[in-house]
Structures are given as structure tokens and as C-alpha cells.
Amino acid sequence: MNAADLRGKSPDELKEELKNLKKEAFNLRFQQATGALESTAGIRAARRNAARVKTILNEKARAAAGEE
């Protein structure tokens, strides 16, 4: 997932994407706690993708506030 793709989405789509990423991060943490997780790299990727989505949401919110 890259920022250019995210900037093309609407805020509602980004919120849904953030929700899905948070669920994914939770599931990965749960797997890690139970010992079922084989690769821990997915946890880092999920967190970073969630942060990326939050950044784009904030950029869009600031742009909308600037237009008003």
C-alpha cells in the first residue's frame, strides 16, 4: 500500500481501510500472544499502514478546513 493510492480514496474509504488495518493488527498481536504467528514482520507492516492511512486522513481534513 502506498500513499499515492491512498490519496485517491475518499475519507469514508480511508476510514474503512483504517478499521480493517486495526483489525488485522489485533489479529496478528493475538496470534503472537498464542504462539501461532510465524513471521512478526506483518505486525510492523500493519502498524505502518495504519499510520499511513491516518496521515492521509489528517492531510485531507486540514485541506478541507483550509477551503472553508
N, C-alpha and C. Protein backbone atom coordinates (compact mmCIF):
# COMPACT_ATOMS: atom_id res chain seq x y z
N MET A 1 0.85 -1.17 0.00
CA MET A 1 0.00 0.00 0.00
C MET A 1 0.90 1.24 0.00
N ASN A 2 0.70 2.13 -0.96
CA ASN A 2 1.49 3.34 -0.94
C ASN A 2 0.58 4.57 -0.81
N ALA A 3 1.18 5.69 -0.46
CA ALA A 3 0.42 6.90 -0.17
C ALA A 3 -0.30 7.43 -1.41
N ALA A 4 0.26 7.26 -2.57
CA ALA A 4 -0.38 7.76 -3.79
C ALA A 4 -1.73 7.07 -4.02
N ASP A 5 -1.79 5.79 -3.75
CA ASP A 5 -3.06 5.07 -3.89
C ASP A 5 -4.07 5.56 -2.87
N LEU A 6 -3.60 5.81 -1.66
CA LEU A 6 -4.50 6.24 -0.59
C LEU A 6 -5.06 7.64 -0.83
N ARG A 7 -4.26 8.51 -1.43
CA ARG A 7 -4.72 9.88 -1.67
C ARG A 7 -5.87 9.92 -2.67
N GLY A 8 -6.01 8.89 -3.49
CA GLY A 8 -7.09 8.82 -4.46
C GLY A 8 -8.41 8.35 -3.87
N LYS A 9 -8.39 7.92 -2.62
CA LYS A 9 -9.61 7.40 -1.99
C LYS A 9 -10.33 8.50 -1.22
N SER A 10 -11.62 8.29 -1.01
CA SER A 10 -12.42 9.24 -0.24
C SER A 10 -12.16 9.02 1.25
N PRO A 11 -12.50 10.02 2.08
CA PRO A 11 -12.32 9.85 3.53
C PRO A 11 -13.08 8.66 4.10
N ASP A 12 -14.26 8.37 3.57
CA ASP A 12 -15.02 7.22 4.05
C ASP A 12 -14.30 5.90 3.74
N GLU A 13 -13.74 5.82 2.54
CA GLU A 13 -12.98 4.63 2.17
C GLU A 13 -11.74 4.49 3.04
N LEU A 14 -11.10 5.61 3.35
CA LEU A 14 -9.91 5.58 4.20
C LEU A 14 -10.26 5.13 5.62
N LYS A 15 -11.40 5.58 6.12
CA LYS A 15 -11.81 5.17 7.46
C LYS A 15 -12.09 3.67 7.50
N GLU A 16 -12.69 3.16 6.45
CA GLU A 16 -12.94 1.71 6.37
C GLU A 16 -11.62 0.95 6.29
N GLU A 17 -10.68 1.47 5.51
CA GLU A 17 -9.36 0.85 5.39
C GLU A 17 -8.64 0.85 6.74
N LEU A 18 -8.75 1.95 7.48
CA LEU A 18 -8.13 2.04 8.80
C LEU A 18 -8.75 1.02 9.75
N LYS A 19 -10.05 0.89 9.69
CA LYS A 19 -10.74 -0.08 10.53
C LYS A 19 -10.24 -1.50 10.24
N ASN A 20 -10.08 -1.83 8.96
CA ASN A 20 -9.60 -3.15 8.58
C ASN A 20 -8.16 -3.38 9.03
N LEU A 21 -7.33 -2.35 8.92
CA LEU A 21 -5.94 -2.48 9.33
C LEU A 21 -5.81 -2.66 10.84
N LYS A 22 -6.66 -1.98 11.59
CA LYS A 22 -6.64 -2.15 13.04
C LYS A 22 -7.07 -3.57 13.43
N LYS A 23 -8.06 -4.10 12.73
CA LYS A 23 -8.48 -5.49 12.99
C LYS A 23 -7.35 -6.45 12.67
N GLU A 24 -6.67 -6.20 11.55
CA GLU A 24 -5.56 -7.06 11.15
C GLU A 24 -4.44 -7.02 12.19
N ALA A 25 -4.12 -5.82 12.67
CA ALA A 25 -3.07 -5.68 13.68
C ALA A 25 -3.46 -6.41 14.96
N PHE A 26 -4.72 -6.30 15.34
CA PHE A 26 -5.19 -7.00 16.53
C PHE A 26 -5.05 -8.52 16.37
N ASN A 27 -5.48 -9.01 15.22
CA ASN A 27 -5.40 -10.45 14.97
C ASN A 27 -3.95 -10.94 14.98
N LEU A 28 -3.05 -10.14 14.43
CA LEU A 28 -1.64 -10.53 14.43
C LEU A 28 -1.06 -10.53 15.85
N ARG A 29 -1.44 -9.53 16.64
CA ARG A 29 -0.98 -9.49 18.04
C ARG A 29 -1.52 -10.70 18.81
N PHE A 30 -2.76 -11.04 18.54
CA PHE A 30 -3.38 -12.19 19.20
C PHE A 30 -2.64 -13.48 18.82
N GLN A 31 -2.32 -13.62 17.55
CA GLN A 31 -1.58 -14.80 17.10
C GLN A 31 -0.21 -14.86 17.74
N GLN A 32 0.42 -13.70 17.88
CA GLN A 32 1.74 -13.67 18.50
C GLN A 32 1.66 -14.09 19.97
N ALA A 33 0.63 -13.64 20.66
CA ALA A 33 0.47 -13.98 22.07
C ALA A 33 0.20 -15.47 22.27
N THR A 34 -0.48 -16.08 21.31
CA THR A 34 -0.79 -17.51 21.44
C THR A 34 0.30 -18.39 20.85
N GLY A 35 1.29 -17.78 20.23
CA GLY A 35 2.39 -18.55 19.66
C GLY A 35 2.12 -19.08 18.27
N ALA A 36 1.05 -18.63 17.64
CA ALA A 36 0.69 -19.12 16.32
C ALA A 36 1.31 -18.29 15.18
N LEU A 37 1.89 -17.16 15.52
CA LEU A 37 2.44 -16.27 14.49
C LEU A 37 3.83 -16.74 14.09
N GLU A 38 4.03 -16.92 12.79
CA GLU A 38 5.33 -17.39 12.30
C GLU A 38 6.26 -16.23 11.96
N SER A 39 5.73 -15.19 11.36
CA SER A 39 6.55 -14.05 10.96
C SER A 39 6.02 -12.78 11.61
N THR A 40 6.86 -12.10 12.35
CA THR A 40 6.44 -10.90 13.07
C THR A 40 6.48 -9.65 12.18
N ALA A 41 6.94 -9.78 10.97
CA ALA A 41 7.03 -8.62 10.08
C ALA A 41 5.66 -8.06 9.74
N GLY A 42 4.64 -8.89 9.77
CA GLY A 42 3.28 -8.44 9.45
C GLY A 42 2.75 -7.44 10.45
N ILE A 43 3.16 -7.57 11.71
CA ILE A 43 2.71 -6.64 12.75
C ILE A 43 3.21 -5.24 12.43
N ARG A 44 4.48 -5.16 12.10
CA ARG A 44 5.09 -3.86 11.78
C ARG A 44 4.44 -3.25 10.54
N ALA A 45 4.21 -4.06 9.53
CA ALA A 45 3.60 -3.57 8.30
C ALA A 45 2.18 -3.06 8.55
N ALA A 46 1.42 -3.77 9.35
CA ALA A 46 0.05 -3.36 9.65
C ALA A 46 0.04 -2.03 10.40
N ARG A 47 0.94 -1.89 11.36
CA ARG A 47 1.01 -0.63 12.13
C ARG A 47 1.40 0.53 11.24
N ARG A 48 2.38 0.31 10.38
CA ARG A 48 2.83 1.38 9.50
C ARG A 48 1.77 1.76 8.46
N ASN A 49 1.06 0.77 7.96
CA ASN A 49 -0.02 1.07 7.01
C ASN A 49 -1.14 1.85 7.69
N ALA A 50 -1.45 1.50 8.94
CA ALA A 50 -2.46 2.25 9.68
C ALA A 50 -2.01 3.69 9.89
N ALA A 51 -0.75 3.88 10.21
CA ALA A 51 -0.22 5.23 10.40
C ALA A 51 -0.27 6.01 9.09
N ARG A 52 0.00 5.33 7.99
CA ARG A 52 -0.04 5.98 6.68
C ARG A 52 -1.46 6.45 6.36
N VAL A 53 -2.45 5.62 6.66
CA VAL A 53 -3.85 5.98 6.41
C VAL A 53 -4.24 7.16 7.29
N LYS A 54 -3.83 7.14 8.56
CA LYS A 54 -4.14 8.25 9.47
C LYS A 54 -3.53 9.56 8.97
N THR A 55 -2.32 9.48 8.45
CA THR A 55 -1.66 10.68 7.92
C THR A 55 -2.44 11.27 6.76
N ILE A 56 -2.87 10.42 5.84
CA ILE A 56 -3.63 10.89 4.68
C ILE A 56 -4.97 11.47 5.12
N LEU A 57 -5.62 10.83 6.10
CA LEU A 57 -6.89 11.37 6.63
C LEU A 57 -6.69 12.76 7.22
N ASN A 58 -5.60 12.93 7.97
CA ASN A 58 -5.32 14.24 8.56
C ASN A 58 -5.00 15.28 7.49
N GLU A 59 -4.29 14.88 6.46
CA GLU A 59 -4.00 15.81 5.35
C GLU A 59 -5.31 16.27 4.69
N LYS A 60 -6.20 15.33 4.45
CA LYS A 60 -7.47 15.67 3.82
C LYS A 60 -8.32 16.57 4.73
N ALA A 61 -8.29 16.31 6.03
CA ALA A 61 -9.06 17.12 6.98
C ALA A 61 -8.51 18.55 7.01
N ARG A 62 -7.19 18.68 7.03
CA ARG A 62 -6.59 20.02 7.02
C ARG A 62 -6.89 20.76 5.72
N ALA A 63 -6.88 20.05 4.61
CA ALA A 63 -7.18 20.67 3.32
C ALA A 63 -8.63 21.14 3.28
N ALA A 64 -9.54 20.33 3.83
CA ALA A 64 -10.95 20.70 3.85
C ALA A 64 -11.18 21.89 4.77
N ALA A 65 -10.46 21.94 5.89
CA ALA A 65 -10.61 23.06 6.83
C ALA A 65 -10.05 24.34 6.22
N GLY A 66 -9.01 24.20 5.40
CA GLY A 66 -8.41 25.37 4.75
C GLY A 66 -9.29 25.96 3.67
N GLU A 67 -10.12 25.14 3.05
CA GLU A 67 -11.00 25.61 1.99
C GLU A 67 -12.18 26.40 2.55
N GLU A 68 -12.56 26.13 3.78
CA GLU A 68 -13.73 26.80 4.36
C GLU A 68 -13.45 28.18 4.82
